[in-house]
Amino acid sequence: MSETFTVEIISPDRSIIKTDTKEVVIPSYEGEMGILKDHIPLITFLRPGFIKIKNENEKVFFVEDGTVEFSNNNLLVLTSTAIEFSKIDKNSLQDLIIEAEKKLNKNDTTDKEKYLLSYKIETLKNISQ
């Protein structure tokens, strides 16, 4: 009996990846969440962080936001930003961190935006190390 399920990450303009996997870890508002075959049906939102698709070799994607649906052993991730970790330009990370920190320190930034920006900054700093 197979222990795999299907995961697909889709952006507005293309399908980023569609593969069978044994485990996926997503960065949800509730915290990091592991998904295995036969997980209960789920709909949740992504916060900035890493999606980890675990097979023989792990694939990691940076996301800023999105939605996730798991049903009938199909995991669907809809996001506007999914960048494969190995393809991230480390030279531009510092610019992204500075830009996010400026937005975080503005007086008109909402609490929700501050929450998301703080996770984005933390994740980007972890990448740049």
C-alpha atoms as a PDB file:
ATOM      1  CA  MET A   1       0.000   0.000   0.000  1.00  0.00           C
ATOM      2  CA  SER A   2       1.403   3.369  -1.012  1.00  0.00           C
ATOM      3  CA  GLU A   3       2.119   5.959   1.668  1.00  0.00           C
ATOM      4  CA  THR A   4       2.162   8.859  -0.796  1.00  0.00           C
ATOM      5  CA  PHE A   5      -0.300  11.575  -1.721  1.00  0.00           C
ATOM      6  CA  THR A   6      -0.317  14.311  -4.378  1.00  0.00           C
ATOM      7  CA  VAL A   7       0.871  17.858  -3.726  1.00  0.00           C
ATOM      8  CA  GLU A   8       0.495  20.711  -6.192  1.00  0.00           C
ATOM      9  CA  ILE A   9       1.672  24.307  -5.805  1.00  0.00           C
ATOM     10  CA  ILE A  10       0.003  26.756  -8.174  1.00  0.00           C
ATOM     11  CA  SER A  11       0.654  30.467  -8.732  1.00  0.00           C
ATOM     12  CA  PRO A  12      -1.663  32.721 -10.763  1.00  0.00           C
ATOM     13  CA  ASP A  13       0.387  32.230 -13.927  1.00  0.00           C
ATOM     14  CA  ARG A  14       1.597  28.610 -13.729  1.00  0.00           C
ATOM     15  CA  SER A  15       1.791  25.298 -11.944  1.00  0.00           C
ATOM     16  CA  ILE A  16       5.034  25.339  -9.951  1.00  0.00           C
ATOM     17  CA  ILE A  17       5.186  21.677  -8.962  1.00  0.00           C
ATOM     18  CA  LYS A  18       2.938  18.639  -8.987  1.00  0.00           C
ATOM     19  CA  THR A  19       4.346  15.461  -7.477  1.00  0.00           C
ATOM     20  CA  ASP A  20       3.649  12.542  -5.181  1.00  0.00           C
ATOM     21  CA  THR A  21       5.182  12.779  -1.734  1.00  0.00           C
ATOM     22  CA  LYS A  22       5.213  11.155   1.687  1.00  0.00           C
ATOM     23  CA  GLU A  23       5.108  14.364   3.756  1.00  0.00           C
ATOM     24  CA  VAL A  24       4.680  18.119   3.360  1.00  0.00           C
ATOM     25  CA  VAL A  25       5.318  20.755   6.023  1.00  0.00           C
ATOM     26  CA  ILE A  26       3.522  24.084   5.574  1.00  0.00           C
ATOM     27  CA  PRO A  27       3.820  27.419   7.425  1.00  0.00           C
ATOM     28  CA  SER A  28       0.247  28.119   8.529  1.00  0.00           C
ATOM     29  CA  TYR A  29      -1.065  30.760  10.918  1.00  0.00           C
ATOM     30  CA  GLU A  30      -1.468  27.986  13.483  1.00  0.00           C
ATOM     31  CA  GLY A  31       2.256  27.165  13.187  1.00  0.00           C
ATOM     32  CA  GLU A  32       4.191  24.679  11.093  1.00  0.00           C
ATOM     33  CA  MET A  33       1.881  21.844  10.100  1.00  0.00           C
ATOM     34  CA  GLY A  34       2.900  18.429   8.814  1.00  0.00           C
ATOM     35  CA  ILE A  35       0.662  16.692   6.283  1.00  0.00           C
ATOM     36  CA  LEU A  36       0.786  12.927   5.734  1.00  0.00           C
ATOM     37  CA  LYS A  37      -1.374  10.585   3.676  1.00  0.00           C
ATOM     38  CA  ASP A  38      -4.950  10.319   4.999  1.00  0.00           C
ATOM     39  CA  HIS A  39      -4.728  13.595   6.959  1.00  0.00           C
ATOM     40  CA  ILE A  40      -8.137  14.982   7.890  1.00  0.00           C
ATOM     41  CA  PRO A  41      -9.601  17.417   5.352  1.00  0.00           C
ATOM     42  CA  LEU A  42      -8.127  20.860   5.863  1.00  0.00           C
ATOM     43  CA  ILE A  43      -8.403  24.426   4.618  1.00  0.00           C
ATOM     44  CA  THR A  44      -5.982  27.006   6.025  1.00  0.00           C
ATOM     45  CA  PHE A  45      -3.971  30.106   5.170  1.00  0.00           C
ATOM     46  CA  LEU A  46      -0.210  30.367   4.713  1.00  0.00           C
ATOM     47  CA  ARG A  47       2.023  32.856   6.476  1.00  0.00           C
ATOM     48  CA  PRO A  48       5.550  33.703   5.270  1.00  0.00           C
ATOM     49  CA  GLY A  49       7.807  30.678   5.601  1.00  0.00           C
ATOM     50  CA  PHE A  50       8.916  27.478   3.920  1.00  0.00           C
ATOM     51  CA  ILE A  51       6.928  24.672   2.324  1.00  0.00           C
ATOM     52  CA  LYS A  52       8.959  21.472   2.600  1.00  0.00           C
ATOM     53  CA  ILE A  53       8.111  18.577   0.304  1.00  0.00           C
ATOM     54  CA  LYS A  54       9.804  15.484   1.683  1.00  0.00           C
ATOM     55  CA  ASN A  55      10.718  12.578  -0.579  1.00  0.00           C
ATOM     56  CA  GLU A  56      14.082  10.910  -1.144  1.00  0.00           C
ATOM     57  CA  ASN A  57      15.379  14.455  -1.472  1.00  0.00           C
ATOM     58  CA  GLU A  58      13.614  17.432   0.077  1.00  0.00           C
ATOM     59  CA  LYS A  59      12.313  20.340  -2.026  1.00  0.00           C
ATOM     60  CA  VAL A  60      11.856  23.631  -0.217  1.00  0.00           C
ATOM     61  CA  PHE A  61       9.869  26.677  -1.395  1.00  0.00           C
ATOM     62  CA  PHE A  62       9.673  30.152   0.160  1.00  0.00           C
ATOM     63  CA  VAL A  63       6.114  31.536   0.275  1.00  0.00           C
ATOM     64  CA  GLU A  64       4.724  34.816   1.583  1.00  0.00           C
ATOM     65  CA  ASP A  65       1.027  33.976   1.594  1.00  0.00           C
ATOM     66  CA  GLY A  66      -1.611  31.715   0.135  1.00  0.00           C
ATOM     67  CA  THR A  67      -4.252  29.125   0.866  1.00  0.00           C
ATOM     68  CA  VAL A  68      -4.021  25.385   1.378  1.00  0.00           C
ATOM     69  CA  GLU A  69      -6.640  22.694   0.875  1.00  0.00           C
ATOM     70  CA  PHE A  70      -6.175  19.015   1.668  1.00  0.00           C
ATOM     71  CA  SER A  71      -8.893  16.576   0.650  1.00  0.00           C
ATOM     72  CA  ASN A  72      -8.923  12.976  -0.638  1.00  0.00           C
ATOM     73  CA  ASN A  73      -5.110  12.751  -0.409  1.00  0.00           C
ATOM     74  CA  ASN A  74      -4.621  15.806  -2.620  1.00  0.00           C
ATOM     75  CA  LEU A  75      -2.840  18.849  -1.209  1.00  0.00           C
ATOM     76  CA  LEU A  76      -3.433  22.025  -3.197  1.00  0.00           C
ATOM     77  CA  VAL A  77      -1.408  25.157  -2.411  1.00  0.00           C
ATOM     78  CA  LEU A  78      -2.452  28.425  -4.076  1.00  0.00           C
ATOM     79  CA  THR A  79       0.090  31.225  -3.658  1.00  0.00           C
ATOM     80  CA  SER A  80       1.306  34.300  -5.481  1.00  0.00           C
ATOM     81  CA  THR A  81       4.868  33.744  -4.249  1.00  0.00           C
ATOM     82  CA  ALA A  82       6.511  30.338  -4.294  1.00  0.00           C
ATOM     83  CA  ILE A  83      10.228  30.457  -4.976  1.00  0.00           C
ATOM     84  CA  GLU A  84      12.319  27.311  -4.894  1.00  0.00           C
ATOM     85  CA  PHE A  85      14.882  27.753  -2.111  1.00  0.00           C
ATOM     86  CA  SER A  86      17.808  26.716  -4.310  1.00  0.00           C
ATOM     87  CA  LYS A  87      16.925  29.447  -6.846  1.00  0.00           C
ATOM     88  CA  ILE A  88      16.720  32.359  -4.406  1.00  0.00           C
ATOM     89  CA  ASP A  89      19.172  35.122  -5.253  1.00  0.00           C
ATOM     90  CA  LYS A  90      20.951  35.646  -1.957  1.00  0.00           C
ATOM     91  CA  ASN A  91      22.331  39.018  -3.123  1.00  0.00           C
ATOM     92  CA  SER A  92      18.863  40.592  -3.247  1.00  0.00           C
ATOM     93  CA  LEU A  93      17.745  39.197   0.121  1.00  0.00           C
ATOM     94  CA  GLN A  94      19.196  42.127   2.067  1.00  0.00           C
ATOM     95  CA  ASP A  95      17.169  44.557  -0.075  1.00  0.00           C
ATOM     96  CA  LEU A  96      13.980  42.592   0.624  1.00  0.00           C
ATOM     97  CA  ILE A  97      14.723  42.576   4.367  1.00  0.00           C
ATOM     98  CA  ILE A  98      15.346  46.349   4.415  1.00  0.00           C
ATOM     99  CA  GLU A  99      12.139  46.991   2.444  1.00  0.00           C
ATOM    100  CA  ALA A 100      10.084  44.796   4.800  1.00  0.00           C
ATOM    101  CA  GLU A 101      11.624  46.466   7.885  1.00  0.00           C
ATOM    102  CA  LYS A 102      10.699  49.919   6.523  1.00  0.00           C
ATOM    103  CA  LYS A 103       7.087  48.803   6.029  1.00  0.00           C
ATOM    104  CA  LEU A 104       7.059  47.267   9.509  1.00  0.00           C
ATOM    105  CA  ASN A 105       8.127  50.570  11.097  1.00  0.00           C
ATOM    106  CA  LYS A 106       5.527  52.755   9.346  1.00  0.00           C
ATOM    107  CA  ASN A 107       2.842  54.204  11.608  1.00  0.00           C
ATOM    108  CA  ASP A 108      -0.038  53.229   9.317  1.00  0.00           C
ATOM    109  CA  THR A 109       0.879  49.514   9.213  1.00  0.00           C
ATOM    110  CA  THR A 110      -1.942  47.342  10.569  1.00  0.00           C
ATOM    111  CA  ASP A 111      -1.385  44.665  13.196  1.00  0.00           C
ATOM    112  CA  LYS A 112      -2.022  41.958  10.592  1.00  0.00           C
ATOM    113  CA  GLU A 113       0.582  43.477   8.268  1.00  0.00           C
ATOM    114  CA  LYS A 114       3.064  43.720  11.166  1.00  0.00           C
ATOM    115  CA  TYR A 115       2.483  40.047  11.983  1.00  0.00           C
ATOM    116  CA  LEU A 116       3.092  38.977   8.382  1.00  0.00           C
ATOM    117  CA  LEU A 117       6.084  41.280   7.908  1.00  0.00           C
ATOM    118  CA  SER A 118       7.751  39.985  11.066  1.00  0.00           C
ATOM    119  CA  TYR A 119       7.487  36.393   9.775  1.00  0.00           C
ATOM    120  CA  LYS A 120       8.735  37.496   6.355  1.00  0.00           C
ATOM    121  CA  ILE A 121      11.758  39.254   7.882  1.00  0.00           C
ATOM    122  CA  GLU A 122      12.563  36.286  10.121  1.00  0.00           C
ATOM    123  CA  THR A 123      12.332  33.853   7.205  1.00  0.00           C
ATOM    124  CA  LEU A 124      14.452  36.036   4.900  1.00  0.00           C
ATOM    125  CA  LYS A 125      17.106  36.444   7.588  1.00  0.00           C
ATOM    126  CA  ASN A 126      17.230  32.655   8.017  1.00  0.00           C
ATOM    127  CA  ILE A 127      17.758  32.276   4.260  1.00  0.00           C
ATOM    128  CA  SER A 128      20.591  34.807   4.179  1.00  0.00           C
ATOM    129  CA  GLN A 129      22.597  33.004   6.887  1.00  0.00           C
END
